[in-house]
Amino acid sequence: MLTIHTADLVVFGDGRPSLPGGAVLVEGRQITAVEVYDDLAAAYPSARVRRWPGVLTPGLVNPYGRELLEQSYHPDPREDLGDEPLTGEALESLDMTDARWGASARRGVQRMLTQGTVAVVGPLRRPAVIDAVHRSGLTIEHRFTEGPLIPLLPGADATFAAFDTPDLTTCVATVIKGRLLHRRR
């Protein structure tokens, strides 16, 4: 199925100027085209359209994957442990089984998706955490590099995020390999 993702501004992520009124055409897992929305809508009238406020940009890489997923516990809302990740003595006081690490990592990954994250920097060592990351669609990078992981270009994986303002403060959508994994509205 063809989907057009459009926003006020598309940031390619490869150094070329941003595209006002731009859109990304996605077919399956890949970007087919990046053009002005009106041109794509005219060329593909049967495509589903997802309109996002603000900016479409390559997804973000979180350089703190190990700290956030293997050195922090993301409590289940049903637990009486609060809403914020636990570290240090609070983490050490918990009985952390592999299953609990996996569940914590799934909740941590969900938090990352709400921030436009599409990859984390490892290395990750706990199999339950690695499995949770891979199942989510996030990738594990072995080192942090400046700039976007995957620029918005035809032929590239359809992996990007939409933010409601140019300062990238509120992520409204995260797409990884064509799958909409987070939507704020």
Protein backbone atom coordinates (compact mmCIF):
# COMPACT_ATOMS: atom_id res chain seq x y z
CA MET A 1 0.00 0.00 0.00
CA LEU A 2 1.23 3.46 -0.84
CA THR A 3 1.25 6.05 1.93
CA ILE A 4 2.10 9.72 1.65
CA HIS A 5 3.46 11.27 4.86
CA THR A 6 3.36 15.05 4.68
CA ALA A 7 4.30 17.95 6.95
CA ASP A 8 5.03 21.67 6.75
CA LEU A 9 8.70 20.91 6.20
CA VAL A 10 10.69 17.83 5.14
CA VAL A 11 14.33 17.64 6.29
CA PHE A 12 16.29 15.28 4.03
CA GLY A 13 19.17 14.76 6.43
CA ASP A 14 21.85 14.61 3.75
CA GLY A 15 22.82 18.29 3.67
CA ARG A 16 20.46 19.48 0.95
CA PRO A 17 17.99 22.26 1.78
CA SER A 18 14.73 21.34 3.51
CA LEU A 19 11.56 21.04 1.45
CA PRO A 20 8.63 23.25 2.53
CA GLY A 21 5.26 21.56 1.98
CA GLY A 22 7.10 18.33 1.30
CA ALA A 23 6.02 14.74 1.52
CA VAL A 24 7.50 11.27 1.62
CA LEU A 25 5.92 8.51 -0.47
CA VAL A 26 6.28 5.11 1.20
CA GLU A 27 5.68 1.75 -0.42
CA GLY A 28 6.14 -1.15 1.94
CA ARG A 29 9.43 -0.67 3.79
CA GLN A 30 10.99 1.87 1.43
CA ILE A 31 10.76 5.49 0.45
CA THR A 32 9.68 5.75 -3.18
CA ALA A 33 9.82 9.54 -3.57
CA VAL A 34 10.36 12.77 -1.65
CA GLU A 35 8.67 15.71 -3.32
CA VAL A 36 6.24 18.56 -2.77
CA TYR A 37 2.98 17.13 -1.39
CA ASP A 38 0.77 18.50 -4.18
CA ASP A 39 2.89 16.76 -6.82
CA LEU A 40 2.84 13.40 -5.01
CA ALA A 41 -0.89 13.62 -4.28
CA ALA A 42 -1.60 14.32 -7.97
CA ALA A 43 0.65 11.48 -9.14
CA TYR A 44 -0.71 8.96 -6.59
CA PRO A 45 -4.36 9.86 -5.94
CA SER A 46 -5.19 6.48 -4.38
CA ALA A 47 -2.38 6.65 -1.79
CA ARG A 48 -3.31 6.92 1.87
CA VAL A 49 -2.31 10.32 3.27
CA ARG A 50 -0.97 10.93 6.77
CA ARG A 51 -0.66 14.61 7.60
CA TRP A 52 1.68 15.58 10.42
CA PRO A 53 2.16 19.03 11.91
CA GLY A 54 5.62 20.56 11.77
CA VAL A 55 8.61 18.65 10.45
CA LEU A 56 9.38 15.25 8.93
CA THR A 57 12.97 14.34 9.63
CA PRO A 58 15.20 11.26 9.69
CA GLY A 59 14.72 9.35 12.93
CA LEU A 60 16.97 9.98 15.88
CA VAL A 61 19.78 7.85 17.29
CA ASN A 62 19.84 7.62 21.09
CA PRO A 63 23.48 7.35 22.21
CA TYR A 64 22.49 6.08 25.68
CA GLY A 65 20.95 2.72 24.77
CA ARG A 66 22.93 0.71 27.30
CA GLU A 67 22.32 3.17 30.16
CA LEU A 68 18.60 3.48 29.43
CA LEU A 69 17.85 -0.18 28.74
CA GLU A 70 20.39 -2.23 30.72
CA GLN A 71 21.24 0.05 33.61
CA SER A 72 17.74 1.41 34.29
CA TYR A 73 14.43 -0.21 35.16
CA HIS A 74 11.29 1.17 33.52
CA PRO A 75 8.50 0.35 35.99
CA ASP A 76 5.26 -1.24 34.93
CA PRO A 77 2.40 1.20 35.62
CA ARG A 78 0.78 -1.50 37.78
CA GLU A 79 3.79 -1.51 40.09
CA ASP A 80 4.01 0.98 42.92
CA LEU A 81 7.42 2.23 41.79
CA GLY A 82 6.56 5.56 40.15
CA ASP A 83 6.73 6.67 36.55
CA GLU A 84 10.44 7.35 36.09
CA PRO A 85 13.23 4.85 35.36
CA LEU A 86 14.98 3.44 38.43
CA THR A 87 18.77 3.34 38.67
CA GLY A 88 21.46 2.87 41.32
CA GLU A 89 20.32 1.57 44.71
CA ALA A 90 16.66 1.56 43.70
CA LEU A 91 17.50 -0.75 40.78
CA GLU A 92 19.78 -2.94 42.90
CA SER A 93 16.96 -3.53 45.38
CA LEU A 94 14.79 -5.15 42.71
CA ASP A 95 14.78 -8.85 41.83
CA MET A 96 15.76 -8.47 38.16
CA THR A 97 15.12 -11.65 36.19
CA ASP A 98 15.63 -11.95 32.43
CA ALA A 99 11.87 -11.65 31.95
CA ARG A 100 11.77 -8.47 34.02
CA TRP A 101 14.70 -6.98 32.05
CA GLY A 102 12.86 -7.76 28.81
CA ALA A 103 9.62 -6.16 30.01
CA SER A 104 11.51 -3.10 31.25
CA ALA A 105 13.30 -2.79 27.90
CA ARG A 106 9.98 -2.96 26.02
CA ARG A 107 8.65 -0.08 28.12
CA GLY A 108 11.91 1.83 27.67
CA VAL A 109 11.77 1.34 23.90
CA GLN A 110 8.19 2.66 23.87
CA ARG A 111 9.43 5.80 25.61
CA MET A 112 12.18 6.16 23.01
CA LEU A 113 9.71 5.80 20.14
CA THR A 114 7.71 8.70 21.59
CA GLN A 115 10.88 10.80 21.18
CA GLY A 116 11.51 9.92 17.52
CA THR A 117 14.22 7.36 18.25
CA VAL A 118 14.84 4.74 15.55
CA ALA A 119 18.17 3.37 16.79
CA VAL A 120 20.17 3.03 19.99
CA VAL A 121 23.91 2.86 20.50
CA GLY A 122 25.18 -0.29 22.17
CA PRO A 123 26.74 -2.55 22.81
CA LEU A 124 23.84 -4.23 24.55
CA ARG A 125 24.65 -7.43 26.41
CA ARG A 126 21.45 -8.78 27.96
CA PRO A 127 19.69 -11.17 25.52
CA ALA A 128 16.23 -10.19 26.79
CA VAL A 129 17.00 -6.51 26.18
CA ILE A 130 18.50 -7.17 22.73
CA ASP A 131 15.42 -9.20 21.81
CA ALA A 132 13.07 -6.40 22.95
CA VAL A 133 15.00 -3.84 20.91
CA HIS A 134 15.01 -5.98 17.77
CA ARG A 135 11.32 -6.86 18.08
CA SER A 136 10.44 -3.17 18.30
CA GLY A 137 12.14 -2.41 14.99
CA LEU A 138 14.87 -0.23 16.50
CA THR A 139 18.39 -0.99 15.38
CA ILE A 140 21.46 -1.24 17.57
CA GLU A 141 24.40 0.82 16.37
CA HIS A 142 27.91 0.08 17.60
CA ARG A 143 29.00 3.69 17.73
CA PHE A 144 27.42 7.11 17.66
CA THR A 145 27.93 9.19 14.55
CA GLU A 146 26.82 12.75 14.03
CA GLY A 147 23.96 13.27 11.64
CA PRO A 148 20.98 11.12 10.72
CA LEU A 149 21.13 7.38 10.45
CA ILE A 150 19.01 7.15 7.30
CA PRO A 151 18.46 10.27 5.15
CA LEU A 152 15.04 10.68 3.54
CA LEU A 153 15.89 9.61 0.01
CA PRO A 154 14.18 7.39 -2.59
CA GLY A 155 15.28 3.79 -2.14
CA ALA A 156 16.13 4.21 1.56
CA ASP A 157 14.30 2.48 4.37
CA ALA A 158 11.14 4.39 5.30
CA THR A 159 12.49 5.28 8.74
CA PHE A 160 11.72 8.77 10.04
CA ALA A 161 9.96 10.85 12.65
CA ALA A 162 7.49 13.73 12.64
CA PHE A 163 7.80 16.55 15.15
CA ASP A 164 5.24 19.27 15.77
CA THR A 165 7.82 22.08 15.79
CA PRO A 166 11.21 22.68 14.13
CA ASP A 167 13.02 22.44 17.49
CA LEU A 168 12.10 18.71 17.60
CA THR A 169 10.61 18.89 21.10
CA THR A 170 7.43 16.87 20.63
CA CYS A 171 7.44 13.80 18.43
CA VAL A 172 4.03 13.11 16.91
CA ALA A 173 4.98 10.01 14.90
CA THR A 174 7.80 7.51 14.51
CA VAL A 175 7.98 5.28 11.44
CA ILE A 176 10.48 2.43 11.13
CA LYS A 177 10.77 0.54 7.84
CA GLY A 178 7.32 1.72 6.84
CA ARG A 179 5.61 0.76 10.11
CA LEU A 180 3.97 3.51 12.13
CA LEU A 181 5.20 2.54 15.61
CA HIS A 182 4.28 5.70 17.51
CA ARG A 183 1.52 8.22 16.94
CA ARG A 184 0.76 11.00 19.40
CA ARG A 185 -2.61 11.94 18.00
